[in-house]
Amino acid sequence: MAVTVTERPRSRAVLRNYGASASKVREVLGIIRGKPVEQAIRELSLVSRGPAEAVGKLLASAVANATVQHGLGVSDMVVRLAYADEGTTLKRFRPRARGRATRIRKRTCHITVVVEEMTLEERQRAVAQTGRRAVSRQRRVQSSRRGRQQAQATSAEATSAEVATSQPEITSEAAASEQTVEVTAAEEQVAALVATGEETGAETPSAASEEAAEGGEE
């Protein structure tokens, strides 16, 4: 009995004679292989290796081919295959000591990326992963907000404590200044009375009390 296998729509893009060794490119391809296209694009944007830019452009080309040929969206595709084969190796020479020369091998490779429509299980897995990522992000945001609120509350308490500590000092300074003003006013009144007594020729209260005390002693 013949078994019919339904192939899912897929598209590919090939980059030939890329100027890097296949081993270096395979390290980048291993990051995106078997992952949804959206996730692969996000992860490639965070990779700092040299071949990451070329692999990203090749993946975008494969996605564009699938969109034109099969009408698939970015969220409907998965990176089914991603591999690099050895290309042409260019032989060059580098001069060394004593007139010798050392061979340089400039390696190249052929990169292939194949994208395919997701299966039902892969769609469910991608949706669940997206939900977990959203929940995790929401938790991080809430934790950050709580931290900021606690920091603001702590700073407000410290400010209020400083104000409460400095309030008695301000009160004591105000009381001392009021007492100084009262003493100054009393001295001014006494000086005014003395000046008035000298002008009229009358004895001041202090002089009269001194004379009365002397008369009592006699």
Foldseek 3Di string as FASTA:
>chain_A
DDDDDDDFDKFKFKDWFAFDFQVQLVVLQVVQAFAQQVVNLVVLVVDPDDCSVVVNVRSVVRQVVCCVPPVDDSRFKGFHDKGKAWHDWDWDWDADPPRDIDIDTRTTIMIMIMMGGDDPVNNVVVVVVVVVVVVVVVVVVVVVVVVVVVVVVVVVVVVVVVVVVCVVVVVVVVVVVVVVVVVVVVVVVVVVQVVVCVVVVHDDPVVVVVVVVVVVVD
